[in-house]
N, C-alpha and C. Protein backbone atom coordinates (compact mmCIF):
# COMPACT_ATOMS: atom_id res chain seq x y z
N MET A 1 18.76 -15.26 41.61
CA MET A 1 19.63 -16.49 41.14
C MET A 1 20.44 -15.75 39.88
N GLY A 2 22.10 -15.44 39.78
CA GLY A 2 22.28 -15.02 39.00
C GLY A 2 23.63 -16.00 38.06
N LEU A 3 24.39 -15.25 37.20
CA LEU A 3 24.85 -16.27 36.27
C LEU A 3 26.59 -15.94 36.84
N ILE A 4 27.30 -16.86 36.68
CA ILE A 4 29.00 -16.47 36.53
C ILE A 4 29.36 -17.21 35.54
N ILE A 5 30.69 -17.08 35.32
CA ILE A 5 31.71 -17.89 33.98
C ILE A 5 32.37 -18.74 34.71
N CYS A 6 32.78 -20.01 33.90
CA CYS A 6 33.56 -21.10 34.61
C CYS A 6 34.79 -20.53 34.33
N PRO A 7 35.34 -20.33 35.16
CA PRO A 7 36.70 -19.91 35.10
C PRO A 7 37.62 -21.10 33.75
N ASP A 8 37.35 -22.18 33.60
CA ASP A 8 37.83 -23.42 32.89
C ASP A 8 37.21 -23.20 31.61
N CYS A 9 36.34 -23.34 31.34
CA CYS A 9 35.50 -23.68 30.37
C CYS A 9 34.76 -22.17 29.60
N LYS A 10 34.61 -21.22 30.51
CA LYS A 10 34.06 -20.13 30.24
C LYS A 10 32.64 -19.92 29.72
N LYS A 11 31.74 -20.76 30.66
CA LYS A 11 30.48 -20.85 30.03
C LYS A 11 29.84 -20.39 31.17
N SER A 12 28.38 -19.93 30.95
CA SER A 12 27.69 -19.41 32.25
C SER A 12 26.79 -20.71 32.73
N VAL A 13 27.26 -20.35 34.42
CA VAL A 13 26.44 -21.25 34.87
C VAL A 13 26.32 -20.79 35.89
N SER A 14 24.97 -21.73 36.60
CA SER A 14 24.47 -20.74 38.00
C SER A 14 25.60 -20.39 39.29
N ASP A 15 24.99 -19.30 39.85
CA ASP A 15 26.06 -18.82 41.12
C ASP A 15 25.63 -19.67 42.20
N GLN A 16 24.74 -21.01 41.89
CA GLN A 16 23.94 -21.29 43.49
C GLN A 16 24.86 -23.02 42.98
N ALA A 17 25.24 -23.04 41.95
CA ALA A 17 25.93 -24.43 41.42
C ALA A 17 27.31 -24.51 42.12
N ARG A 18 27.63 -26.14 42.66
CA ARG A 18 28.72 -25.90 43.31
C ARG A 18 29.71 -26.44 42.19
N LYS A 19 29.38 -27.02 41.04
CA LYS A 19 30.39 -27.17 39.88
C LYS A 19 29.91 -26.77 39.00
N CYS A 20 30.82 -26.77 37.72
CA CYS A 20 30.07 -26.22 36.54
C CYS A 20 29.49 -27.51 35.92
N ILE A 21 28.47 -27.54 34.93
CA ILE A 21 27.80 -28.46 34.89
C ILE A 21 27.94 -28.46 33.31
N HIS A 22 29.33 -27.89 33.26
CA HIS A 22 29.60 -28.44 31.33
C HIS A 22 30.89 -29.42 31.80
N CYS A 23 31.93 -28.72 32.43
CA CYS A 23 33.41 -29.02 32.66
C CYS A 23 33.41 -29.72 34.00
N GLY A 24 32.61 -29.66 35.21
CA GLY A 24 32.76 -30.75 36.07
C GLY A 24 33.81 -29.81 37.06
N ARG A 25 34.41 -28.94 36.87
CA ARG A 25 35.14 -28.05 37.91
C ARG A 25 34.46 -27.55 38.78
N ALA A 26 34.82 -27.60 39.72
CA ALA A 26 34.03 -26.96 41.47
C ALA A 26 34.31 -25.89 41.35
N LEU A 27 33.41 -25.09 41.87
CA LEU A 27 33.23 -23.90 41.95
C LEU A 27 32.65 -23.18 43.17
N THR A 28 33.86 -22.33 43.85
CA THR A 28 33.90 -21.66 44.78
C THR A 28 33.63 -20.00 44.33
N PRO A 29 33.17 -19.79 45.89
CA PRO A 29 32.88 -17.89 45.39
C PRO A 29 34.13 -17.33 45.09
N SER A 30 35.18 -17.41 45.36
CA SER A 30 36.11 -16.70 45.12
C SER A 30 37.03 -16.88 43.70
N LEU A 31 36.44 -18.13 43.26
CA LEU A 31 37.09 -18.57 41.41
C LEU A 31 35.92 -18.29 40.73
N ALA A 32 34.75 -18.09 41.09
CA ALA A 32 34.04 -17.27 40.17
C ALA A 32 34.32 -16.32 39.30
N VAL A 33 33.92 -16.47 38.44
CA VAL A 33 33.81 -14.89 37.49
C VAL A 33 32.74 -14.45 36.93
N HIS A 34 32.35 -13.29 37.65
CA HIS A 34 30.95 -12.95 37.42
C HIS A 34 31.22 -12.20 35.86
N PRO A 35 29.82 -12.54 35.02
CA PRO A 35 30.05 -12.05 33.91
C PRO A 35 29.63 -10.12 33.65
N PRO A 36 30.48 -9.68 32.82
CA PRO A 36 30.19 -8.50 32.86
C PRO A 36 28.80 -7.85 32.83
N LYS A 37 28.30 -6.99 33.32
CA LYS A 37 27.12 -6.44 33.35
C LYS A 37 27.16 -5.47 31.74
N THR A 38 25.65 -5.87 30.99
CA THR A 38 25.84 -4.92 29.99
C THR A 38 24.46 -4.42 29.97
N SER A 39 24.30 -3.26 29.57
CA SER A 39 23.21 -2.63 29.63
C SER A 39 22.02 -3.02 28.34
N GLN A 40 21.08 -3.44 28.94
CA GLN A 40 20.09 -4.12 27.93
C GLN A 40 19.36 -3.23 27.33
N LYS A 41 19.87 -3.18 26.21
CA LYS A 41 18.85 -2.25 25.17
C LYS A 41 17.76 -3.17 24.50
N ARG A 42 16.74 -2.39 24.11
CA ARG A 42 15.54 -2.77 23.25
C ARG A 42 16.18 -2.72 21.95
N PRO A 43 16.41 -3.86 21.26
CA PRO A 43 16.09 -3.71 19.43
C PRO A 43 15.38 -2.64 19.22
N ALA A 44 15.87 -1.95 17.78
CA ALA A 44 15.37 -1.03 17.55
C ALA A 44 13.78 -1.80 16.64
N SER A 45 13.10 -1.22 17.15
CA SER A 45 11.59 -1.95 16.51
C SER A 45 11.32 -1.35 15.20
N ASN A 46 11.45 -2.22 14.46
CA ASN A 46 10.63 -2.20 13.09
C ASN A 46 9.56 -1.62 12.87
N THR A 47 8.51 -2.15 13.99
CA THR A 47 6.82 -1.81 14.15
C THR A 47 6.87 0.04 13.68
N LEU A 48 7.98 0.74 14.72
CA LEU A 48 7.63 1.94 14.32
C LEU A 48 8.56 2.79 12.99
N TRP A 49 9.36 2.08 12.36
CA TRP A 49 9.49 2.58 11.32
C TRP A 49 8.06 2.20 10.43
N LEU A 50 7.59 1.21 10.40
CA LEU A 50 6.63 0.83 9.39
C LEU A 50 5.48 1.72 9.88
N CYS A 51 5.16 2.11 10.82
CA CYS A 51 4.18 2.81 11.01
C CYS A 51 4.22 4.35 10.76
N ILE A 52 5.29 4.54 10.83
CA ILE A 52 5.68 6.09 10.62
C ILE A 52 6.00 5.87 8.81
N LEU A 53 6.28 5.14 8.17
CA LEU A 53 6.21 4.78 6.59
C LEU A 53 5.33 5.05 6.40
N VAL A 54 3.91 4.06 7.33
CA VAL A 54 2.36 4.06 6.55
C VAL A 54 2.38 5.64 6.69
N GLY A 55 2.23 6.32 8.09
CA GLY A 55 1.88 7.70 7.99
C GLY A 55 2.01 8.29 7.16
N VAL A 56 3.47 8.58 6.69
CA VAL A 56 3.94 9.16 5.56
C VAL A 56 3.21 9.05 3.97
N LEU A 57 3.18 8.06 3.89
CA LEU A 57 2.54 7.65 2.76
C LEU A 57 1.21 8.04 2.98
N ALA A 58 0.44 7.72 3.92
CA ALA A 58 -1.26 7.51 4.48
C ALA A 58 -1.45 9.73 3.65
N VAL A 59 -0.35 10.71 4.34
CA VAL A 59 -0.33 11.85 4.09
C VAL A 59 -0.27 12.08 2.90
N ILE A 60 1.05 11.61 2.09
CA ILE A 60 1.23 12.07 1.00
C ILE A 60 -0.30 11.44 0.05
N THR A 61 -0.84 9.99 0.21
CA THR A 61 -1.97 10.31 -0.61
C THR A 61 -3.46 11.16 0.04
N ILE A 62 -3.68 11.15 0.67
CA ILE A 62 -4.69 12.37 1.02
C ILE A 62 -4.37 13.59 0.56
N THR A 63 -2.86 14.30 0.33
CA THR A 63 -2.91 15.44 -0.15
C THR A 63 -2.94 15.33 -2.02
N TYR A 64 -2.72 14.31 -1.95
CA TYR A 64 -2.31 13.87 -3.51
C TYR A 64 -4.02 14.02 -3.95
N MET A 65 -5.10 13.07 -3.01
CA MET A 65 -6.09 12.84 -3.45
C MET A 65 -6.93 14.26 -3.48
N VAL A 66 -6.59 15.09 -2.26
CA VAL A 66 -7.13 16.57 -2.32
C VAL A 66 -6.74 17.36 -3.62
N HIS A 67 -5.57 17.43 -3.75
CA HIS A 67 -5.31 17.90 -4.88
C HIS A 67 -5.91 17.88 -6.12
N ARG A 68 -6.34 16.16 -6.14
CA ARG A 68 -6.92 16.41 -7.74
C ARG A 68 -8.50 16.37 -7.57
N HIS A 69 -8.47 16.53 -6.30
CA HIS A 69 -10.31 16.94 -6.10
C HIS A 69 -10.53 18.50 -6.27
N VAL A 70 -9.58 18.99 -5.73
CA VAL A 70 -9.75 21.00 -5.94
C VAL A 70 -9.41 20.73 -7.74
N GLU A 71 -8.51 20.24 -8.13
CA GLU A 71 -8.47 20.50 -9.66
C GLU A 71 -9.78 19.96 -10.29
N ALA A 72 -10.28 18.85 -10.25
CA ALA A 72 -11.64 18.51 -10.77
C ALA A 72 -12.18 19.77 -10.66
N ARG A 73 -12.65 20.48 -9.48
CA ARG A 73 -13.56 21.29 -9.45
C ARG A 73 -13.36 22.52 -10.25
N GLN A 74 -12.18 22.68 -10.55
CA GLN A 74 -11.49 24.03 -10.88
C GLN A 74 -11.82 23.86 -12.61
N HIS A 75 -11.86 22.65 -12.87
CA HIS A 75 -11.84 22.48 -13.96
C HIS A 75 -13.34 21.93 -14.66
N ALA A 76 -13.82 21.82 -13.85
CA ALA A 76 -15.47 21.97 -13.99
C ALA A 76 -16.11 23.24 -14.07
N GLU A 77 -15.22 24.02 -13.09
CA GLU A 77 -15.92 25.52 -12.66
C GLU A 77 -15.07 26.32 -14.46
N GLN A 78 -14.30 25.98 -14.81
CA GLN A 78 -13.89 26.37 -16.09
C GLN A 78 -15.12 26.44 -17.29
N GLN A 79 -15.10 24.72 -17.29
CA GLN A 79 -16.23 24.26 -18.40
C GLN A 79 -17.89 25.05 -18.13
N ARG A 80 -18.11 25.28 -16.62
CA ARG A 80 -19.62 25.81 -17.08
C ARG A 80 -19.20 27.33 -17.46
N ILE A 81 -18.27 28.11 -17.06
CA ILE A 81 -17.68 29.37 -17.45
C ILE A 81 -17.69 29.43 -19.01
N ALA A 82 -17.32 28.57 -19.36
CA ALA A 82 -17.01 28.67 -20.76
C ALA A 82 -18.20 28.42 -22.00
N GLN A 83 -19.06 27.35 -21.31
CA GLN A 83 -20.52 27.28 -21.95
C GLN A 83 -21.29 28.62 -21.70
N ALA A 84 -21.46 29.15 -20.59
CA ALA A 84 -21.97 30.36 -20.29
C ALA A 84 -21.86 31.54 -21.44
N LEU A 85 -20.18 31.34 -21.71
CA LEU A 85 -19.70 32.63 -22.49
C LEU A 85 -20.07 31.92 -23.63
N ASP A 86 -19.67 30.59 -24.16
CA ASP A 86 -20.37 30.36 -25.30
C ASP A 86 -21.60 30.76 -25.64
N ALA A 87 -22.59 30.67 -24.82
CA ALA A 87 -24.39 30.88 -25.08
C ALA A 87 -24.07 32.27 -25.49
N LEU A 88 -23.49 33.33 -24.78
CA LEU A 88 -23.61 34.79 -24.60
C LEU A 88 -23.19 35.33 -26.07
N LYS A 89 -21.85 34.63 -26.27
CA LYS A 89 -21.37 35.05 -27.66
C LYS A 89 -22.21 34.17 -28.64
N ALA A 90 -22.64 33.26 -28.80
CA ALA A 90 -23.69 32.70 -29.47
C ALA A 90 -24.56 33.87 -30.16
N LEU A 91 -25.47 34.03 -29.09
CA LEU A 91 -26.71 35.16 -28.95
C LEU A 91 -25.81 36.37 -29.47
N ARG A 92 -24.87 37.07 -29.11
CA ARG A 92 -24.80 38.41 -29.43
C ARG A 92 -24.14 38.12 -31.18
N SER A 93 -23.63 37.04 -31.38
CA SER A 93 -23.63 37.10 -33.29
C SER A 93 -24.84 37.18 -33.39
N MET A 94 -25.94 36.12 -33.05
CA MET A 94 -27.42 36.48 -33.74
C MET A 94 -28.11 37.68 -33.79
N THR A 95 -27.64 38.65 -32.81
CA THR A 95 -28.48 39.89 -32.78
C THR A 95 -27.57 40.76 -33.56
N GLN A 96 -26.41 40.38 -33.80
CA GLN A 96 -25.85 41.35 -34.64
C GLN A 96 -25.87 40.90 -35.80
N ALA A 97 -26.25 39.35 -36.30
CA ALA A 97 -26.64 39.23 -37.87
C ALA A 97 -28.06 39.44 -38.23
N GLY A 98 -28.69 40.34 -37.16
CA GLY A 98 -30.25 41.30 -37.82
C GLY A 98 -31.31 40.15 -37.26
N LEU A 99 -30.88 39.47 -36.28
CA LEU A 99 -32.05 37.83 -35.78
C LEU A 99 -33.94 38.70 -35.88
N SER A 100 -34.48 38.09 -36.20
CA SER A 100 -36.08 38.76 -35.82
C SER A 100 -36.06 38.44 -34.29
N TYR A 101 -37.22 39.30 -34.01
CA TYR A 101 -37.64 38.95 -32.54
C TYR A 101 -38.17 37.72 -32.26
N ARG A 102 -39.15 37.14 -33.10
CA ARG A 102 -39.50 35.49 -33.18
C ARG A 102 -38.54 34.78 -32.48
N ASP A 103 -37.36 34.84 -33.60
CA ASP A 103 -36.41 33.82 -33.58
C ASP A 103 -35.63 34.12 -32.31
N TYR A 104 -35.42 35.71 -32.20
CA TYR A 104 -34.53 35.81 -30.75
C TYR A 104 -34.95 35.34 -29.44
N ILE A 105 -36.22 35.48 -29.33
CA ILE A 105 -36.71 34.89 -27.71
C ILE A 105 -36.50 33.42 -27.36
N PRO A 106 -36.60 32.31 -28.85
CA PRO A 106 -36.12 31.21 -27.92
C PRO A 106 -34.16 31.17 -27.81
N ARG A 107 -33.98 32.30 -28.15
CA ARG A 107 -32.43 31.85 -28.43
C ARG A 107 -31.74 32.75 -26.66
N LEU A 108 -32.97 33.18 -26.45
CA LEU A 108 -32.31 34.07 -25.26
C LEU A 108 -32.67 33.10 -24.21
N ALA A 109 -34.10 32.33 -24.25
CA ALA A 109 -34.40 31.29 -23.07
C ALA A 109 -33.19 30.25 -22.83
N ASP A 110 -32.71 30.02 -24.17
CA ASP A 110 -31.36 28.84 -24.32
C ASP A 110 -30.06 29.65 -23.41
N THR A 111 -29.82 30.83 -23.87
CA THR A 111 -28.63 31.57 -23.19
C THR A 111 -29.42 31.52 -21.67
N GLN A 112 -30.70 32.08 -21.46
CA GLN A 112 -30.87 31.91 -19.90
C GLN A 112 -30.83 30.48 -19.30
N VAL A 113 -30.67 29.27 -19.56
CA VAL A 113 -30.73 28.05 -19.29
C VAL A 113 -28.98 27.99 -19.01
N GLN A 114 -28.36 28.19 -20.08
CA GLN A 114 -26.97 28.36 -19.69
C GLN A 114 -26.42 28.80 -18.59
N ILE A 115 -26.60 30.20 -18.54
CA ILE A 115 -26.93 31.12 -17.18
C ILE A 115 -26.73 30.70 -16.44
N ASP A 116 -28.02 30.50 -15.98
CA ASP A 116 -28.16 29.83 -14.82
C ASP A 116 -27.78 28.42 -14.58
N ARG A 117 -27.41 27.90 -15.53
CA ARG A 117 -27.13 26.67 -14.52
C ARG A 117 -25.30 26.87 -14.20
N TYR A 118 -24.98 28.20 -14.48
CA TYR A 118 -23.59 28.45 -13.89
C TYR A 118 -23.62 29.46 -12.65
N LEU A 119 -24.70 30.10 -12.71
CA LEU A 119 -25.17 30.92 -11.61
C LEU A 119 -25.60 30.07 -10.17
N GLN A 120 -26.25 29.07 -10.63
CA GLN A 120 -26.49 28.11 -9.34
C GLN A 120 -25.27 27.17 -8.87
N THR A 121 -24.56 27.06 -9.53
CA THR A 121 -23.40 26.21 -9.13
C THR A 121 -21.93 26.66 -9.09
N GLY A 122 -21.89 28.05 -9.94
CA GLY A 122 -20.43 28.68 -10.06
C GLY A 122 -19.94 29.07 -8.90
N THR A 123 -19.09 29.22 -8.37
CA THR A 123 -18.32 29.57 -7.32
C THR A 123 -17.70 31.30 -7.35
N ASN A 124 -17.62 31.57 -8.62
CA ASN A 124 -16.91 32.99 -8.86
C ASN A 124 -17.67 34.15 -8.97
N SER A 125 -17.90 34.97 -7.82
CA SER A 125 -18.24 36.00 -7.61
C SER A 125 -18.48 36.97 -8.53
N ALA A 126 -17.36 36.83 -9.16
CA ALA A 126 -17.36 38.25 -10.15
C ALA A 126 -17.82 37.59 -11.31
N VAL A 127 -17.16 36.70 -12.06
CA VAL A 127 -17.80 35.89 -12.87
C VAL A 127 -19.54 35.79 -12.60
N LYS A 128 -20.25 35.11 -11.70
CA LYS A 128 -21.32 35.66 -11.54
C LYS A 128 -22.03 36.81 -11.77
N ALA A 129 -21.63 37.84 -11.25
CA ALA A 129 -21.90 38.93 -11.26
C ALA A 129 -21.91 39.73 -12.79
N GLY A 130 -20.73 39.39 -13.63
CA GLY A 130 -20.70 39.72 -15.01
C GLY A 130 -21.69 38.80 -16.22
N LEU A 131 -21.69 37.98 -15.35
CA LEU A 131 -22.70 37.08 -16.61
C LEU A 131 -24.07 37.40 -15.97
N ALA A 132 -24.61 37.62 -15.04
CA ALA A 132 -26.16 37.75 -14.52
C ALA A 132 -26.23 39.42 -15.25
N ASN A 133 -25.37 40.73 -15.15
CA ASN A 133 -25.71 41.42 -15.73
C ASN A 133 -25.61 41.90 -17.35
N THR A 134 -24.83 40.65 -18.06
CA THR A 134 -24.76 40.72 -19.36
C THR A 134 -26.14 40.43 -20.17
N MET A 135 -26.73 39.30 -18.92
CA MET A 135 -28.06 38.44 -19.27
C MET A 135 -29.01 39.71 -18.92
N GLY A 136 -29.16 40.03 -18.02
CA GLY A 136 -29.88 41.21 -17.80
C GLY A 136 -30.12 42.21 -18.82
N ILE A 137 -28.76 42.77 -19.60
CA ILE A 137 -29.00 43.44 -20.87
C ILE A 137 -29.56 43.00 -21.80
N TYR A 138 -29.06 41.92 -21.96
CA TYR A 138 -29.92 40.97 -23.35
C TYR A 138 -31.53 41.08 -23.05
N LYS A 139 -32.10 40.70 -21.83
CA LYS A 139 -33.40 40.59 -20.73
C LYS A 139 -34.12 42.13 -21.38
N LEU A 140 -33.18 43.06 -21.31
CA LEU A 140 -33.64 44.55 -21.41
C LEU A 140 -34.10 44.46 -22.86
N ALA A 141 -33.18 44.54 -23.79
CA ALA A 141 -32.92 44.29 -24.95
C ALA A 141 -34.48 43.84 -25.60
N SER A 142 -34.45 42.83 -25.13
CA SER A 142 -35.98 41.91 -25.38
C SER A 142 -37.25 42.55 -25.19
N SER A 143 -37.20 43.48 -23.93
CA SER A 143 -38.69 43.85 -23.43
C SER A 143 -38.42 45.15 -24.59
N ALA A 144 -37.46 45.78 -24.46
CA ALA A 144 -37.63 47.30 -25.80
C ALA A 144 -37.67 46.53 -27.04
N TRP A 145 -37.53 45.58 -27.38
CA TRP A 145 -37.74 45.29 -28.70
C TRP A 145 -39.13 45.37 -28.93
N GLN A 146 -39.86 44.42 -27.86
CA GLN A 146 -41.47 43.98 -28.03
C GLN A 146 -42.38 45.28 -27.89
N VAL A 147 -41.71 46.78 -27.47
CA VAL A 147 -42.46 47.80 -27.42
C VAL A 147 -42.52 48.22 -28.63
């Protein structure tokens, strides 16, 4: 069942009707004007755009969070390196000041704690090797001092 347009009132009427329901004009198949066929386009869906927007925002948020996490880890790494280096500098300044063996051993143990803390959690292999080697030299000096 289709629709036709009444020639008088120009309103849509069923093609099965004998007369127009709006104006009462008798309809014959030759008088009926069929409405032009229009392509029925689906209206643009706002849902699609909303999904795209949410997806883009999710990607931006995740990227930001990952970046912040990486920055925080790098900052923590830098702090652990600085603490280990400060401990070594303090030990060096004490040995340069003529520290006695009795005072040197506890300072060496304190420094070893700071170095070990970085060696267990640090990720920079070059820094790890340098700190381990430097600590090894201070331990060697300690053992030579005992003799």
